[in-house]
């Protein structure tokens, strides 16, 4: 069984500039986006409210 890919790894490995998230359960993505932004990298995160994402299931 393989290890799950963390959002921060996906963003880094795929060189994504923006990550759209539903419910944030993993804190490292927030820290990565904040640190990258402070270093002048164009990184951002769009968070959709928890209640909205449950309606899409």
PDB file of N, CA and C in Angstrom:
ATOM      1  N   UNK A   1       0.841  -1.177   0.000  1.00  0.00           N
ATOM      2  CA  UNK A   1       0.000   0.000   0.000  1.00  0.00           C
ATOM      3  C   UNK A   1       0.889   1.245   0.000  1.00  0.00           C
ATOM      4  N   UNK A   2       0.630   2.156  -0.889  1.00  0.00           N
ATOM      5  CA  UNK A   2       1.463   3.347  -1.001  1.00  0.00           C
ATOM      6  C   UNK A   2       1.013   4.425  -0.013  1.00  0.00           C
ATOM      7  N   UNK A   3       1.938   5.322   0.272  1.00  0.00           N
ATOM      8  CA  UNK A   3       1.657   6.440   1.163  1.00  0.00           C
ATOM      9  C   UNK A   3       0.790   7.460   0.436  1.00  0.00           C
ATOM     10  N   UNK A   4      -0.163   8.097   1.130  1.00  0.00           N
ATOM     11  CA  UNK A   4      -0.962   9.143   0.484  1.00  0.00           C
ATOM     12  C   UNK A   4      -0.087  10.354   0.159  1.00  0.00           C
ATOM     13  N   UNK A   5      -0.413  11.027  -0.912  1.00  0.00           N
ATOM     14  CA  UNK A   5       0.325  12.230  -1.303  1.00  0.00           C
ATOM     15  C   UNK A   5      -0.275  13.415  -0.552  1.00  0.00           C
ATOM     16  N   UNK A   6       0.569  14.132   0.184  1.00  0.00           N
ATOM     17  CA  UNK A   6       0.108  15.306   0.906  1.00  0.00           C
ATOM     18  C   UNK A   6      -0.092  16.474  -0.060  1.00  0.00           C
ATOM     19  N   UNK A   7      -1.037  17.360   0.227  1.00  0.00           N
ATOM     20  CA  UNK A   7      -1.276  18.499  -0.669  1.00  0.00           C
ATOM     21  C   UNK A   7      -0.036  19.350  -0.921  1.00  0.00           C
ATOM     22  N   UNK A   8       0.785  19.554   0.102  1.00  0.00           N
ATOM     23  CA  UNK A   8       1.989  20.364  -0.090  1.00  0.00           C
ATOM     24  C   UNK A   8       2.953  19.675  -1.066  1.00  0.00           C
ATOM     25  N   UNK A   9       3.033  18.352  -1.029  1.00  0.00           N
ATOM     26  CA  UNK A   9       3.890  17.627  -1.973  1.00  0.00           C
ATOM     27  C   UNK A   9       3.345  17.738  -3.390  1.00  0.00           C
ATOM     28  N   UNK A  10       2.048  17.640  -3.535  1.00  0.00           N
ATOM     29  CA  UNK A  10       1.418  17.769  -4.845  1.00  0.00           C
ATOM     30  C   UNK A  10       1.672  19.154  -5.429  1.00  0.00           C
ATOM     31  N   UNK A  11       1.499  20.188  -4.602  1.00  0.00           N
ATOM     32  CA  UNK A  11       1.699  21.562  -5.063  1.00  0.00           C
ATOM     33  C   UNK A  11       3.148  21.778  -5.495  1.00  0.00           C
ATOM     34  N   UNK A  12       4.082  21.246  -4.709  1.00  0.00           N
ATOM     35  CA  UNK A  12       5.508  21.400  -5.018  1.00  0.00           C
ATOM     36  C   UNK A  12       5.903  20.575  -6.238  1.00  0.00           C
ATOM     37  N   UNK A  13       5.536  19.309  -6.260  1.00  0.00           N
ATOM     38  CA  UNK A  13       5.968  18.401  -7.330  1.00  0.00           C
ATOM     39  C   UNK A  13       5.374  18.747  -8.689  1.00  0.00           C
ATOM     40  N   UNK A  14       4.128  19.207  -8.706  1.00  0.00           N
ATOM     41  CA  UNK A  14       3.460  19.561  -9.962  1.00  0.00           C
ATOM     42  C   UNK A  14       3.640  21.034 -10.324  1.00  0.00           C
ATOM     43  N   UNK A  15       4.409  21.756  -9.469  1.00  0.00           N
ATOM     44  CA  UNK A  15       4.677  23.185  -9.678  1.00  0.00           C
ATOM     45  C   UNK A  15       3.385  23.985  -9.836  1.00  0.00           C
ATOM     46  N   UNK A  16       2.423  23.718  -8.959  1.00  0.00           N
ATOM     47  CA  UNK A  16       1.148  24.434  -8.984  1.00  0.00           C
ATOM     48  C   UNK A  16       1.290  25.793  -8.320  1.00  0.00           C
ATOM     49  N   UNK A  17       0.612  26.803  -8.868  1.00  0.00           N
ATOM     50  CA  UNK A  17       0.617  28.136  -8.274  1.00  0.00           C
ATOM     51  C   UNK A  17      -0.545  28.320  -7.304  1.00  0.00           C
ATOM     52  N   UNK A  18      -1.644  27.605  -7.551  1.00  0.00           N
ATOM     53  CA  UNK A  18      -2.841  27.750  -6.720  1.00  0.00           C
ATOM     54  C   UNK A  18      -3.387  26.368  -6.378  1.00  0.00           C
ATOM     55  N   UNK A  19      -3.814  26.214  -5.142  1.00  0.00           N
ATOM     56  CA  UNK A  19      -4.469  24.987  -4.698  1.00  0.00           C
ATOM     57  C   UNK A  19      -5.858  25.379  -4.206  1.00  0.00           C
ATOM     58  N   UNK A  20      -6.880  24.735  -4.748  1.00  0.00           N
ATOM     59  CA  UNK A  20      -8.259  24.968  -4.306  1.00  0.00           C
ATOM     60  C   UNK A  20      -8.609  23.861  -3.324  1.00  0.00           C
ATOM     61  N   UNK A  21      -8.986  24.249  -2.119  1.00  0.00           N
ATOM     62  CA  UNK A  21      -9.234  23.292  -1.041  1.00  0.00           C
ATOM     63  C   UNK A  21     -10.676  23.384  -0.569  1.00  0.00           C
ATOM     64  N   UNK A  22     -11.181  22.259  -0.123  1.00  0.00           N
ATOM     65  CA  UNK A  22     -12.489  22.238   0.513  1.00  0.00           C
ATOM     66  C   UNK A  22     -12.307  22.440   1.996  1.00  0.00           C
ATOM     67  N   UNK A  23     -12.110  21.376   2.702  1.00  0.00           N
ATOM     68  CA  UNK A  23     -11.898  21.412   4.136  1.00  0.00           C
ATOM     69  C   UNK A  23     -10.435  21.129   4.397  1.00  0.00           C
ATOM     70  N   UNK A  24      -9.758  21.996   5.119  1.00  0.00           N
ATOM     71  CA  UNK A  24      -8.326  21.825   5.355  1.00  0.00           C
ATOM     72  C   UNK A  24      -8.124  20.987   6.607  1.00  0.00           C
ATOM     73  N   UNK A  25      -7.543  19.801   6.436  1.00  0.00           N
ATOM     74  CA  UNK A  25      -7.264  18.932   7.573  1.00  0.00           C
ATOM     75  C   UNK A  25      -5.764  18.744   7.773  1.00  0.00           C
ATOM     76  N   UNK A  26      -4.981  19.297   6.893  1.00  0.00           N
ATOM     77  CA  UNK A  26      -3.535  19.108   6.917  1.00  0.00           C
ATOM     78  C   UNK A  26      -2.900  20.490   6.911  1.00  0.00           C
ATOM     79  N   UNK A  27      -2.222  20.844   8.004  1.00  0.00           N
ATOM     80  CA  UNK A  27      -1.764  22.216   8.225  1.00  0.00           C
ATOM     81  C   UNK A  27      -0.546  22.627   7.421  1.00  0.00           C
ATOM     82  N   UNK A  28       0.235  21.691   6.892  1.00  0.00           N
ATOM     83  CA  UNK A  28       1.486  22.071   6.241  1.00  0.00           C
ATOM     84  C   UNK A  28       1.275  22.864   4.948  1.00  0.00           C
ATOM     85  N   UNK A  29       0.139  22.671   4.276  1.00  0.00           N
ATOM     86  CA  UNK A  29      -0.116  23.431   3.052  1.00  0.00           C
ATOM     87  C   UNK A  29      -0.228  24.923   3.354  1.00  0.00           C
ATOM     88  N   UNK A  30      -0.915  25.274   4.429  1.00  0.00           N
ATOM     89  CA  UNK A  30      -1.046  26.687   4.820  1.00  0.00           C
ATOM     90  C   UNK A  30       0.325  27.305   5.077  1.00  0.00           C
ATOM     91  N   UNK A  31       1.165  26.589   5.814  1.00  0.00           N
ATOM     92  CA  UNK A  31       2.504  27.088   6.128  1.00  0.00           C
ATOM     93  C   UNK A  31       3.355  27.200   4.861  1.00  0.00           C
ATOM     94  N   UNK A  32       3.251  26.212   3.962  1.00  0.00           N
ATOM     95  CA  UNK A  32       4.016  26.234   2.713  1.00  0.00           C
ATOM     96  C   UNK A  32       3.629  27.439   1.856  1.00  0.00           C
ATOM     97  N   UNK A  33       2.334  27.667   1.687  1.00  0.00           N
ATOM     98  CA  UNK A  33       1.859  28.785   0.864  1.00  0.00           C
ATOM     99  C   UNK A  33       2.300  30.114   1.488  1.00  0.00           C
ATOM    100  N   UNK A  34       2.188  30.230   2.794  1.00  0.00           N
ATOM    101  CA  UNK A  34       2.598  31.459   3.469  1.00  0.00           C
ATOM    102  C   UNK A  34       4.096  31.698   3.317  1.00  0.00           C
ATOM    103  N   UNK A  35       4.900  30.684   3.573  1.00  0.00           N
ATOM    104  CA  UNK A  35       6.359  30.821   3.451  1.00  0.00           C
ATOM    105  C   UNK A  35       6.768  31.132   2.019  1.00  0.00           C
ATOM    106  N   UNK A  36       6.183  30.430   1.060  1.00  0.00           N
ATOM    107  CA  UNK A  36       6.514  30.652  -0.354  1.00  0.00           C
ATOM    108  C   UNK A  36       6.158  32.075  -0.769  1.00  0.00           C
ATOM    109  N   UNK A  37       5.016  32.547  -0.321  1.00  0.00           N
ATOM    110  CA  UNK A  37       4.592  33.915  -0.637  1.00  0.00           C
ATOM    111  C   UNK A  37       5.570  34.939  -0.055  1.00  0.00           C
ATOM    112  N   UNK A  38       6.011  34.701   1.175  1.00  0.00           N
ATOM    113  CA  UNK A  38       6.956  35.623   1.807  1.00  0.00           C
ATOM    114  C   UNK A  38       8.310  35.617   1.112  1.00  0.00           C
ATOM    115  N   UNK A  39       8.635  34.525   0.421  1.00  0.00           N
ATOM    116  CA  UNK A  39       9.881  34.427  -0.339  1.00  0.00           C
ATOM    117  C   UNK A  39       9.739  34.962  -1.756  1.00  0.00           C
ATOM    118  N   UNK A  40       8.567  35.510  -2.083  1.00  0.00           N
ATOM    119  CA  UNK A  40       8.353  36.095  -3.400  1.00  0.00           C
ATOM    120  C   UNK A  40       7.850  35.122  -4.447  1.00  0.00           C
ATOM    121  N   UNK A  41       7.532  33.899  -4.037  1.00  0.00           N
ATOM    122  CA  UNK A  41       7.005  32.918  -4.990  1.00  0.00           C
ATOM    123  C   UNK A  41       5.504  33.167  -5.162  1.00  0.00           C
ATOM    124  N   UNK A  42       5.001  32.961  -6.353  1.00  0.00           N
ATOM    125  CA  UNK A  42       3.575  33.151  -6.620  1.00  0.00           C
ATOM    126  C   UNK A  42       2.802  31.895  -6.248  1.00  0.00           C
ATOM    127  N   UNK A  43       2.471  31.772  -4.981  1.00  0.00           N
ATOM    128  CA  UNK A  43       1.715  30.625  -4.479  1.00  0.00           C
ATOM    129  C   UNK A  43       0.492  31.155  -3.751  1.00  0.00           C
ATOM    130  N   UNK A  44      -0.634  30.457  -3.906  1.00  0.00           N
ATOM    131  CA  UNK A  44      -1.864  30.878  -3.241  1.00  0.00           C
ATOM    132  C   UNK A  44      -2.731  29.660  -2.960  1.00  0.00           C
ATOM    133  N   UNK A  45      -3.691  29.865  -2.077  1.00  0.00           N
ATOM    134  CA  UNK A  45      -4.618  28.805  -1.713  1.00  0.00           C
ATOM    135  C   UNK A  45      -6.015  29.422  -1.650  1.00  0.00           C
ATOM    136  N   UNK A  46      -6.961  28.784  -2.304  1.00  0.00           N
ATOM    137  CA  UNK A  46      -8.365  29.204  -2.259  1.00  0.00           C
ATOM    138  C   UNK A  46      -9.109  28.162  -1.439  1.00  0.00           C
ATOM    139  N   UNK A  47      -9.735  28.617  -0.361  1.00  0.00           N
ATOM    140  CA  UNK A  47     -10.443  27.707   0.536  1.00  0.00           C
ATOM    141  C   UNK A  47     -11.944  27.916   0.369  1.00  0.00           C
ATOM    142  N   UNK A  48     -12.641  26.856  -0.008  1.00  0.00           N
ATOM    143  CA  UNK A  48     -14.095  26.878  -0.134  1.00  0.00           C
ATOM    144  C   UNK A  48     -14.662  26.418   1.203  1.00  0.00           C
ATOM    145  N   UNK A  49     -15.717  27.032   1.638  1.00  0.00           N
ATOM    146  CA  UNK A  49     -16.302  26.684   2.941  1.00  0.00           C
ATOM    147  C   UNK A  49     -16.636  25.205   3.038  1.00  0.00           C
ATOM    148  N   UNK A  50     -16.499  24.685   4.223  1.00  0.00           N
ATOM    149  CA  UNK A  50     -16.759  23.276   4.531  1.00  0.00           C
ATOM    150  C   UNK A  50     -18.169  22.855   4.128  1.00  0.00           C
ATOM    151  N   UNK A  51     -19.169  23.651   4.458  1.00  0.00           N
ATOM    152  CA  UNK A  51     -20.545  23.283   4.169  1.00  0.00           C
ATOM    153  C   UNK A  51     -20.794  23.166   2.665  1.00  0.00           C
ATOM    154  N   UNK A  52     -20.180  24.032   1.866  1.00  0.00           N
ATOM    155  CA  UNK A  52     -20.364  23.997   0.409  1.00  0.00           C
ATOM    156  C   UNK A  52     -19.805  22.706  -0.194  1.00  0.00           C
ATOM    157  N   UNK A  53     -18.654  22.259   0.299  1.00  0.00           N
ATOM    158  CA  UNK A  53     -18.046  21.075  -0.296  1.00  0.00           C
ATOM    159  C   UNK A  53     -18.854  19.828  -0.006  1.00  0.00           C
ATOM    160  N   UNK A  54     -19.570  19.789   1.113  1.00  0.00           N
ATOM    161  CA  UNK A  54     -20.381  18.634   1.422  1.00  0.00           C
ATOM    162  C   UNK A  54     -21.583  18.522   0.474  1.00  0.00           C
ATOM    163  N   UNK A  55     -22.039  19.652  -0.058  1.00  0.00           N
ATOM    164  CA  UNK A  55     -23.172  19.634  -0.991  1.00  0.00           C
ATOM    165  C   UNK A  55     -22.779  19.023  -2.326  1.00  0.00           C
ATOM    166  N   UNK A  56     -21.482  19.008  -2.660  1.00  0.00           N
ATOM    167  CA  UNK A  56     -21.031  18.514  -3.960  1.00  0.00           C
ATOM    168  C   UNK A  56     -20.920  17.001  -3.986  1.00  0.00           C
ATOM    169  N   UNK A  57     -20.974  16.350  -2.843  1.00  0.00           N
ATOM    170  CA  UNK A  57     -20.795  14.896  -2.811  1.00  0.00           C
ATOM    171  C   UNK A  57     -22.044  14.182  -3.261  1.00  0.00           C
TER     172      UNK A  57
END
